[in-house]
Amino acid sequence: MANIKSQKKRILTNEKARLRNNSYKSELKTAIRAVHSALTAGDKEAATSALKNASKKLDKAVSKGVIHKNNAANRKSSIAKQVSSL
């Protein structure tokens, strides 16, 4: 454990941020998994709505600094390509 007061505070804030980031990442995985399950089922309607939801979640994660904007762009592009090929 750190002896410096500011470092003790930093440890606490880093832990809060880590938990928040894990929550966002978990939501992302769930949203993308919903797109993939709709794709395997062959349901174009469900896949399109899941894609819209996943895109929102990816944009939200970028705005919060959880993932890089290029990472989100690549993921959105990949799932959009899969949905459009359905």
Foldseek 3Di string as FASTA:
>chain_A
DDPDPVVVVVVVVVVVVVVVLVVLVVVLVVLVVQLVVCLVVVPLVSNVVSLVVNLVSLVVCCVVVSDPPVVSVVSSVVSVVSSVVD
